[in-house]
Amino acid sequence: MRQIILDTETTGIDPREGHRLIEIGAVEMVNRRLTGKSYHQYINPERQIEAEAVGVHGITDERVAGEPLFAAIADEFWAFIEGAELVIHNAPFDVGFIDHEFERLHRARGEPRLGPVAAHCGILDTLVMARDKHPGQRNSLDALCKRYEIDNGHRVLHGALLDAEILADVYLAMTGGQTALSLDASGAGENGLAGTGGMAIRRLALEPGRLAVPSPSEQELTAHRAKLSKIREAAGECHWDRMGEGAPH
C-alpha cells in the first residue's frame, strides 16, 4: 500500500477568506516502509501572510516572494499524491486548502480539473485516530510525540516537511509499527533503507502485541557471509561459526 504522509503551511486559517498554501511537505511510505522519496515545495501565495501564522511556522512574505505560484507546481504535486492514501493530522484543514487551490486553478485554466483530493486519494486523519485511541487527552502532534517517546526536539517552529517526517513516526507508533535494524553492506537500499556505517533502518509492519522478527534477504545474507569471512581472515576464527551455519539468528 502506498501512503503519503503530508503536511501544509498556510497564510491563515480559512481558505474561504482568501488564505493560500505557502508550503507543502510530504514523504512516501510503501507497505509501512519509508521509501526515501519526498515532496517539498514553498509557494508564493500572492497575498500577505497573517502575523499569527508567521508566529506558528516562521515563514514570512519575503521568504516566499521568489517561490513559484501554485499553478507552476500543481501537476508535479498531483502526480506525487494521486492514488495514494494520504496520512494527515487534522486532514480537513490541509485537504480543504489543497482542494481550494485546485479549484482556483481549474477556474483560471478552464482545463480538466485536478482533484478533488478525496475523489482520487484515500484520506486517513491521524487526529481522529488519536482521539479514538486516547479519548480526553491532548492529541496534538507534540503531545503524541511525547506520548510515544518520539524525539521532536528539533521542532521549534512548524515546518511542512519536518512535520510530515515526525507524523510518519507517530503514525507507525500509533498503528503498531516498530523500527528495526538490519545489516546492509551498502548502507542504503531501494526500500527506504538508509543508515550510517553499514546499519540501515527499516520500518516493519507489526500486529499489536506481537514482535516482528524479519527474515534476512539474500542480499543481507551475502553481506553477512562476506563480513564473517573478513573476521576469520583477521582473527583466525569467528564465534558465529559455533552457532551452526553462521547465518544471522
C-alpha atoms as a PDB file:
ATOM      1  CA  MET A   1       0.000   0.000   0.000  1.00  0.00           C
ATOM      2  CA  ARG A   2       1.315   3.419  -0.979  1.00  0.00           C
ATOM      3  CA  GLN A   3       0.814   6.136   1.606  1.00  0.00           C
ATOM      4  CA  ILE A   4       1.820   9.785   1.545  1.00  0.00           C
ATOM      5  CA  ILE A   5       2.308  11.433   4.928  1.00  0.00           C
ATOM      6  CA  LEU A   6       1.554  15.084   4.285  1.00  0.00           C
ATOM      7  CA  ASP A   7       1.509  18.494   5.946  1.00  0.00           C
ATOM      8  CA  THR A   8       0.993  22.052   4.751  1.00  0.00           C
ATOM      9  CA  GLU A   9       1.594  25.594   5.978  1.00  0.00           C
ATOM     10  CA  THR A  10      -0.704  28.465   5.027  1.00  0.00           C
ATOM     11  CA  THR A  11      -1.174  32.230   5.149  1.00  0.00           C
ATOM     12  CA  GLY A  12      -4.052  31.896   7.624  1.00  0.00           C
ATOM     13  CA  ILE A  13      -6.836  29.672   8.885  1.00  0.00           C
ATOM     14  CA  ASP A  14      -9.631  29.671   6.309  1.00  0.00           C
ATOM     15  CA  PRO A  15      -9.285  29.365   2.511  1.00  0.00           C
ATOM     16  CA  ARG A  16     -12.787  30.810   2.150  1.00  0.00           C
ATOM     17  CA  GLU A  17     -11.299  34.083   3.391  1.00  0.00           C
ATOM     18  CA  GLY A  18      -8.728  34.020   0.616  1.00  0.00           C
ATOM     19  CA  HIS A  19      -5.938  32.297   2.512  1.00  0.00           C
ATOM     20  CA  ARG A  20      -3.490  30.228   0.489  1.00  0.00           C
ATOM     21  CA  LEU A  21      -0.901  27.475   0.727  1.00  0.00           C
ATOM     22  CA  ILE A  22       2.719  28.569   1.238  1.00  0.00           C
ATOM     23  CA  GLU A  23       4.435  25.225   1.894  1.00  0.00           C
ATOM     24  CA  ILE A  24       3.775  21.539   1.190  1.00  0.00           C
ATOM     25  CA  GLY A  25       5.821  18.710   2.672  1.00  0.00           C
ATOM     26  CA  ALA A  26       5.226  15.005   2.135  1.00  0.00           C
ATOM     27  CA  VAL A  27       7.064  11.695   2.490  1.00  0.00           C
ATOM     28  CA  GLU A  28       6.247   8.407   0.784  1.00  0.00           C
ATOM     29  CA  MET A  29       5.667   5.109   2.572  1.00  0.00           C
ATOM     30  CA  VAL A  30       5.034   1.780   0.834  1.00  0.00           C
ATOM     31  CA  ASN A  31       3.883  -1.213   2.879  1.00  0.00           C
ATOM     32  CA  ARG A  32       4.740   0.741   6.044  1.00  0.00           C
ATOM     33  CA  ARG A  33       8.326   1.380   4.962  1.00  0.00           C
ATOM     34  CA  LEU A  34       9.602   4.868   4.224  1.00  0.00           C
ATOM     35  CA  THR A  35      10.944   4.812   0.687  1.00  0.00           C
ATOM     36  CA  GLY A  36      13.150   7.885   0.932  1.00  0.00           C
ATOM     37  CA  LYS A  37      11.027   9.722  -1.649  1.00  0.00           C
ATOM     38  CA  SER A  38       9.622  13.063  -0.591  1.00  0.00           C
ATOM     39  CA  TYR A  39       7.971  16.179  -1.958  1.00  0.00           C
ATOM     40  CA  HIS A  40       8.732  19.633  -0.593  1.00  0.00           C
ATOM     41  CA  GLN A  41       7.811  22.986  -2.048  1.00  0.00           C
ATOM     42  CA  TYR A  42       7.434  26.592  -0.895  1.00  0.00           C
ATOM     43  CA  ILE A  43       4.758  28.548  -2.762  1.00  0.00           C
ATOM     44  CA  ASN A  44       4.198  32.239  -3.451  1.00  0.00           C
ATOM     45  CA  PRO A  45       0.639  32.815  -2.178  1.00  0.00           C
ATOM     46  CA  GLU A  46       0.154  36.131  -3.998  1.00  0.00           C
ATOM     47  CA  ARG A  47      -1.030  37.700  -0.741  1.00  0.00           C
ATOM     48  CA  GLN A  48       0.252  38.660   2.701  1.00  0.00           C
ATOM     49  CA  ILE A  49       0.791  36.064   5.410  1.00  0.00           C
ATOM     50  CA  GLU A  50      -1.007  36.848   8.658  1.00  0.00           C
ATOM     51  CA  ALA A  51       1.190  37.698  11.646  1.00  0.00           C
ATOM     52  CA  GLU A  52      -0.403  34.928  13.720  1.00  0.00           C
ATOM     53  CA  ALA A  53       0.517  32.392  11.042  1.00  0.00           C
ATOM     54  CA  VAL A  54       4.112  33.651  10.879  1.00  0.00           C
ATOM     55  CA  GLY A  55       4.283  33.128  14.634  1.00  0.00           C
ATOM     56  CA  VAL A  56       3.406  29.453  14.120  1.00  0.00           C
ATOM     57  CA  HIS A  57       5.572  28.483  11.153  1.00  0.00           C
ATOM     58  CA  GLY A  58       8.050  31.361  10.833  1.00  0.00           C
ATOM     59  CA  ILE A  59       7.532  31.750   7.078  1.00  0.00           C
ATOM     60  CA  THR A  60       7.474  35.404   6.043  1.00  0.00           C
ATOM     61  CA  ASP A  61       6.290  37.216   2.942  1.00  0.00           C
ATOM     62  CA  GLU A  62       9.927  37.824   1.988  1.00  0.00           C
ATOM     63  CA  ARG A  63      10.742  34.110   2.271  1.00  0.00           C
ATOM     64  CA  VAL A  64       8.163  33.064  -0.337  1.00  0.00           C
ATOM     65  CA  ALA A  65       8.213  36.129  -2.601  1.00  0.00           C
ATOM     66  CA  GLY A  66      10.516  34.421  -5.099  1.00  0.00           C
ATOM     67  CA  GLU A  67       8.885  30.990  -4.952  1.00  0.00           C
ATOM     68  CA  PRO A  68       6.710  29.587  -7.783  1.00  0.00           C
ATOM     69  CA  LEU A  69       2.963  30.067  -7.873  1.00  0.00           C
ATOM     70  CA  PHE A  70       0.759  27.063  -7.133  1.00  0.00           C
ATOM     71  CA  ALA A  71      -0.136  26.847 -10.826  1.00  0.00           C
ATOM     72  CA  ALA A  72       3.503  26.103 -11.641  1.00  0.00           C
ATOM     73  CA  ILE A  73       3.819  23.189  -9.212  1.00  0.00           C
ATOM     74  CA  ALA A  74       0.282  21.769  -9.291  1.00  0.00           C
ATOM     75  CA  ASP A  75       0.878  18.992 -11.835  1.00  0.00           C
ATOM     76  CA  GLU A  76       4.036  17.706 -10.152  1.00  0.00           C
ATOM     77  CA  PHE A  77       2.374  17.751  -6.734  1.00  0.00           C
ATOM     78  CA  TRP A  78      -0.709  15.968  -8.064  1.00  0.00           C
ATOM     79  CA  ALA A  79       1.440  13.269  -9.678  1.00  0.00           C
ATOM     80  CA  PHE A  80       3.097  12.642  -6.293  1.00  0.00           C
ATOM     81  CA  ILE A  81      -0.141  12.159  -4.323  1.00  0.00           C
ATOM     82  CA  GLU A  82      -2.646  10.783  -6.848  1.00  0.00           C
ATOM     83  CA  GLY A  83      -3.915   7.303  -5.990  1.00  0.00           C
ATOM     84  CA  ALA A  84      -2.182   7.134  -2.606  1.00  0.00           C
ATOM     85  CA  GLU A  85      -3.674   7.111   0.860  1.00  0.00           C
ATOM     86  CA  LEU A  86      -2.895  10.475   2.445  1.00  0.00           C
ATOM     87  CA  VAL A  87      -1.998  10.375   6.137  1.00  0.00           C
ATOM     88  CA  ILE A  88      -2.634  13.836   7.610  1.00  0.00           C
ATOM     89  CA  HIS A  89      -3.025  15.230  11.132  1.00  0.00           C
ATOM     90  CA  ASN A  90      -6.293  17.200  11.073  1.00  0.00           C
ATOM     91  CA  ALA A  91      -6.966  16.268   7.456  1.00  0.00           C
ATOM     92  CA  PRO A  92      -9.948  18.607   6.805  1.00  0.00           C
ATOM     93  CA  PHE A  93      -7.659  21.619   7.227  1.00  0.00           C
ATOM     94  CA  ASP A  94      -4.946  20.512   4.776  1.00  0.00           C
ATOM     95  CA  VAL A  95      -7.303  18.871   2.279  1.00  0.00           C
ATOM     96  CA  GLY A  96      -9.540  21.950   2.354  1.00  0.00           C
ATOM     97  CA  PHE A  97      -6.627  24.176   1.351  1.00  0.00           C
ATOM     98  CA  ILE A  98      -5.380  21.768  -1.328  1.00  0.00           C
ATOM     99  CA  ASP A  99      -8.854  21.444  -2.873  1.00  0.00           C
ATOM    100  CA  HIS A 100      -9.248  25.230  -2.756  1.00  0.00           C
ATOM    101  CA  GLU A 101      -6.001  25.666  -4.706  1.00  0.00           C
ATOM    102  CA  PHE A 102      -7.015  23.077  -7.298  1.00  0.00           C
ATOM    103  CA  GLU A 103     -10.435  24.719  -7.700  1.00  0.00           C
ATOM    104  CA  ARG A 104      -8.866  28.153  -8.225  1.00  0.00           C
ATOM    105  CA  LEU A 105      -6.538  26.632 -10.799  1.00  0.00           C
ATOM    106  CA  HIS A 106      -9.412  24.920 -12.591  1.00  0.00           C
ATOM    107  CA  ARG A 107     -11.326  28.189 -12.849  1.00  0.00           C
ATOM    108  CA  ALA A 108      -8.247  30.020 -14.139  1.00  0.00           C
ATOM    109  CA  ARG A 109      -7.201  27.384 -16.668  1.00  0.00           C
ATOM    110  CA  GLY A 110     -10.582  26.205 -17.860  1.00  0.00           C
ATOM    111  CA  GLU A 111      -8.972  22.790 -18.277  1.00  0.00           C
ATOM    112  CA  PRO A 112      -9.972  19.428 -16.771  1.00  0.00           C
ATOM    113  CA  ARG A 113      -9.549  19.819 -13.044  1.00  0.00           C
ATOM    114  CA  LEU A 114      -7.087  18.200 -10.714  1.00  0.00           C
ATOM    115  CA  GLY A 115      -8.810  16.902  -7.601  1.00  0.00           C
ATOM    116  CA  PRO A 116     -10.850  16.944  -5.526  1.00  0.00           C
ATOM    117  CA  VAL A 117      -8.451  15.037  -3.307  1.00  0.00           C
ATOM    118  CA  ALA A 118     -10.997  12.681  -1.749  1.00  0.00           C
ATOM    119  CA  ALA A 119     -12.135  11.506  -5.193  1.00  0.00           C
ATOM    120  CA  HIS A 120      -8.645  10.281  -6.117  1.00  0.00           C
ATOM    121  CA  CYS A 121      -6.918   9.525  -2.808  1.00  0.00           C
ATOM    122  CA  GLY A 122      -7.722   7.763   0.412  1.00  0.00           C
ATOM    123  CA  ILE A 123      -7.562  10.020   3.461  1.00  0.00           C
ATOM    124  CA  LEU A 124      -6.527   8.887   6.935  1.00  0.00           C
ATOM    125  CA  ASP A 125      -6.834  11.519   9.662  1.00  0.00           C
ATOM    126  CA  THR A 126      -4.376  10.759  12.471  1.00  0.00           C
ATOM    127  CA  LEU A 127      -6.054  13.341  14.723  1.00  0.00           C
ATOM    128  CA  VAL A 128      -9.319  11.368  14.573  1.00  0.00           C
ATOM    129  CA  MET A 129      -7.344   8.165  15.115  1.00  0.00           C
ATOM    130  CA  ALA A 130      -5.564   9.654  18.135  1.00  0.00           C
ATOM    131  CA  ARG A 131      -8.823  10.921  19.680  1.00  0.00           C
ATOM    132  CA  ASP A 132     -10.347   7.459  19.333  1.00  0.00           C
ATOM    133  CA  LYS A 133      -7.262   5.842  20.821  1.00  0.00           C
ATOM    134  CA  HIS A 134      -6.663   8.411  23.579  1.00  0.00           C
ATOM    135  CA  PRO A 135     -10.051   9.989  24.437  1.00  0.00           C
ATOM    136  CA  GLY A 136      -9.976  13.025  26.678  1.00  0.00           C
ATOM    137  CA  GLN A 137      -6.233  13.581  26.210  1.00  0.00           C
ATOM    138  CA  ARG A 138      -4.241  16.145  24.266  1.00  0.00           C
ATOM    139  CA  ASN A 139      -3.622  14.817  20.775  1.00  0.00           C
ATOM    140  CA  SER A 140      -1.565  17.493  19.084  1.00  0.00           C
ATOM    141  CA  LEU A 141       1.479  16.299  17.166  1.00  0.00           C
ATOM    142  CA  ASP A 142       3.742  17.472  20.005  1.00  0.00           C
ATOM    143  CA  ALA A 143       1.610  15.665  22.601  1.00  0.00           C
ATOM    144  CA  LEU A 144       1.693  12.439  20.565  1.00  0.00           C
ATOM    145  CA  CYS A 145       5.479  12.687  20.197  1.00  0.00           C
ATOM    146  CA  LYS A 146       5.765  12.880  23.984  1.00  0.00           C
ATOM    147  CA  ARG A 147       3.308  10.011  24.498  1.00  0.00           C
ATOM    148  CA  TYR A 148       5.113   7.718  22.062  1.00  0.00           C
ATOM    149  CA  GLU A 149       8.615   8.903  23.042  1.00  0.00           C
ATOM    150  CA  ILE A 150       9.427  10.295  19.598  1.00  0.00           C
ATOM    151  CA  ASP A 151      12.185  12.898  19.557  1.00  0.00           C
ATOM    152  CA  ASN A 152      10.938  16.200  18.176  1.00  0.00           C
ATOM    153  CA  GLY A 153      13.413  18.432  19.989  1.00  0.00           C
ATOM    154  CA  HIS A 154      14.492  19.968  16.688  1.00  0.00           C
ATOM    155  CA  ARG A 155      10.924  21.177  16.069  1.00  0.00           C
ATOM    156  CA  VAL A 156      10.922  24.782  17.285  1.00  0.00           C
ATOM    157  CA  LEU A 157       8.539  26.086  14.621  1.00  0.00           C
ATOM    158  CA  HIS A 158       6.142  24.177  12.422  1.00  0.00           C
ATOM    159  CA  GLY A 159       7.504  23.220   9.011  1.00  0.00           C
ATOM    160  CA  ALA A 160       5.640  21.103   6.483  1.00  0.00           C
ATOM    161  CA  LEU A 161       8.354  18.575   5.606  1.00  0.00           C
ATOM    162  CA  LEU A 162       9.637  18.245   9.183  1.00  0.00           C
ATOM    163  CA  ASP A 163       6.089  17.772  10.483  1.00  0.00           C
ATOM    164  CA  ALA A 164       5.404  15.160   7.795  1.00  0.00           C
ATOM    165  CA  GLU A 165       8.523  13.224   8.822  1.00  0.00           C
ATOM    166  CA  ILE A 166       7.546  13.390  12.503  1.00  0.00           C
ATOM    167  CA  LEU A 167       3.969  12.375  11.687  1.00  0.00           C
ATOM    168  CA  ALA A 168       5.286   9.296   9.876  1.00  0.00           C
ATOM    169  CA  ASP A 169       6.955   8.159  13.105  1.00  0.00           C
ATOM    170  CA  VAL A 170       3.833   8.958  15.128  1.00  0.00           C
ATOM    171  CA  TYR A 171       1.587   7.072  12.697  1.00  0.00           C
ATOM    172  CA  LEU A 172       3.791   3.975  12.792  1.00  0.00           C
ATOM    173  CA  ALA A 173       3.872   4.084  16.587  1.00  0.00           C
ATOM    174  CA  MET A 174       0.093   4.504  16.874  1.00  0.00           C
ATOM    175  CA  THR A 175      -0.602   1.644  14.497  1.00  0.00           C
ATOM    176  CA  GLY A 176       1.838  -0.850  15.990  1.00  0.00           C
ATOM    177  CA  GLY A 177       4.922  -0.205  13.874  1.00  0.00           C
ATOM    178  CA  GLN A 178       8.493  -0.588  15.034  1.00  0.00           C
ATOM    179  CA  THR A 179      11.875   0.464  13.773  1.00  0.00           C
ATOM    180  CA  ALA A 180      14.281  -2.435  13.284  1.00  0.00           C
ATOM    181  CA  LEU A 181      17.955  -2.504  12.382  1.00  0.00           C
ATOM    182  CA  SER A 182      19.234  -4.703   9.594  1.00  0.00           C
ATOM    183  CA  LEU A 183      22.702  -5.210   8.156  1.00  0.00           C
ATOM    184  CA  ASP A 184      23.158  -3.617   4.767  1.00  0.00           C
ATOM    185  CA  ALA A 185      26.571  -3.536   3.137  1.00  0.00           C
ATOM    186  CA  SER A 186      25.705  -0.514   1.022  1.00  0.00           C
ATOM    187  CA  GLY A 187      24.124   1.495   3.832  1.00  0.00           C
ATOM    188  CA  ALA A 188      21.070   2.230   1.696  1.00  0.00           C
ATOM    189  CA  GLY A 189      18.705   0.195  -0.419  1.00  0.00           C
ATOM    190  CA  GLU A 190      15.695   0.558  -2.645  1.00  0.00           C
ATOM    191  CA  ASN A 191      13.076   0.111   0.064  1.00  0.00           C
ATOM    192  CA  GLY A 192      13.731   3.262   2.043  1.00  0.00           C
ATOM    193  CA  LEU A 193      16.736   1.790   3.842  1.00  0.00           C
ATOM    194  CA  ALA A 194      19.151   4.443   4.952  1.00  0.00           C
ATOM    195  CA  GLY A 195      21.791   4.382   7.608  1.00  0.00           C
ATOM    196  CA  THR A 196      25.343   5.093   8.631  1.00  0.00           C
ATOM    197  CA  GLY A 197      28.281   2.760   8.887  1.00  0.00           C
ATOM    198  CA  GLY A 198      26.515  -0.112   7.160  1.00  0.00           C
ATOM    199  CA  MET A 199      23.499  -0.108   9.508  1.00  0.00           C
ATOM    200  CA  ALA A 200      20.144   0.519   7.848  1.00  0.00           C
ATOM    201  CA  ILE A 201      16.856   1.449   9.485  1.00  0.00           C
ATOM    202  CA  ARG A 202      13.865  -0.478   8.192  1.00  0.00           C
ATOM    203  CA  ARG A 203      10.214   0.135   9.047  1.00  0.00           C
ATOM    204  CA  LEU A 204       8.378  -3.126   9.768  1.00  0.00           C
ATOM    205  CA  ALA A 205       4.665  -3.847   9.960  1.00  0.00           C
ATOM    206  CA  LEU A 206       3.749  -5.217  13.385  1.00  0.00           C
ATOM    207  CA  GLU A 207       0.491  -6.607  14.674  1.00  0.00           C
ATOM    208  CA  PRO A 208      -0.380  -5.238  18.141  1.00  0.00           C
ATOM    209  CA  GLY A 209       1.145  -7.408  20.855  1.00  0.00           C
ATOM    210  CA  ARG A 210       3.500  -9.269  18.528  1.00  0.00           C
ATOM    211  CA  LEU A 211       7.204  -8.842  17.966  1.00  0.00           C
ATOM    212  CA  ALA A 212       8.257  -8.630  14.333  1.00  0.00           C
ATOM    213  CA  VAL A 213      11.165 -10.963  13.528  1.00  0.00           C
ATOM    214  CA  PRO A 214      12.269 -10.193   9.955  1.00  0.00           C
ATOM    215  CA  SER A 215      13.953 -12.798   7.801  1.00  0.00           C
ATOM    216  CA  PRO A 216      17.146 -11.630   6.100  1.00  0.00           C
ATOM    217  CA  SER A 217      17.078 -11.102   2.364  1.00  0.00           C
ATOM    218  CA  GLU A 218      19.544 -12.919   0.105  1.00  0.00           C
ATOM    219  CA  GLN A 219      21.467  -9.640  -0.274  1.00  0.00           C
ATOM    220  CA  GLU A 220      21.718  -9.314   3.508  1.00  0.00           C
ATOM    221  CA  LEU A 221      22.874 -12.928   3.873  1.00  0.00           C
ATOM    222  CA  THR A 222      25.556 -12.395   1.243  1.00  0.00           C
ATOM    223  CA  ALA A 223      26.802  -9.277   3.031  1.00  0.00           C
ATOM    224  CA  HIS A 224      26.767 -11.155   6.341  1.00  0.00           C
ATOM    225  CA  ARG A 225      28.822 -14.060   4.985  1.00  0.00           C
ATOM    226  CA  ALA A 226      31.338 -11.635   3.476  1.00  0.00           C
ATOM    227  CA  LYS A 227      31.706  -9.949   6.865  1.00  0.00           C
ATOM    228  CA  LEU A 228      32.311 -13.308   8.582  1.00  0.00           C
ATOM    229  CA  SER A 229      34.983 -14.162   6.012  1.00  0.00           C
ATOM    230  CA  LYS A 230      36.849 -10.943   6.835  1.00  0.00           C
ATOM    231  CA  ILE A 231      36.643 -11.718  10.558  1.00  0.00           C
ATOM    232  CA  ARG A 232      38.111 -15.184  10.000  1.00  0.00           C
ATOM    233  CA  GLU A 233      40.956 -13.744   7.942  1.00  0.00           C
ATOM    234  CA  ALA A 234      41.795 -11.176  10.599  1.00  0.00           C
ATOM    235  CA  ALA A 235      41.263 -13.236  13.777  1.00  0.00           C
ATOM    236  CA  GLY A 236      41.718 -16.839  12.680  1.00  0.00           C
ATOM    237  CA  GLU A 237      38.297 -17.862  13.981  1.00  0.00           C
ATOM    238  CA  CYS A 238      34.758 -16.500  14.165  1.00  0.00           C
ATOM    239  CA  HIS A 239      32.388 -17.142  17.074  1.00  0.00           C
ATOM    240  CA  TRP A 240      29.415 -17.076  14.708  1.00  0.00           C
ATOM    241  CA  ASP A 241      30.652 -20.416  13.314  1.00  0.00           C
ATOM    242  CA  ARG A 242      29.831 -22.047  16.648  1.00  0.00           C
ATOM    243  CA  MET A 243      26.160 -21.182  16.151  1.00  0.00           C
ATOM    244  CA  GLY A 244      25.689 -23.567  13.230  1.00  0.00           C
ATOM    245  CA  GLU A 245      25.895 -22.338   9.697  1.00  0.00           C
ATOM    246  CA  GLY A 246      26.983 -18.857  10.671  1.00  0.00           C
ATOM    247  CA  ALA A 247      23.765 -17.311   9.380  1.00  0.00           C
ATOM    248  CA  PRO A 248      22.238 -14.493  11.445  1.00  0.00           C
ATOM    249  CA  HIS A 249      19.753 -15.531  14.117  1.00  0.00           C
END
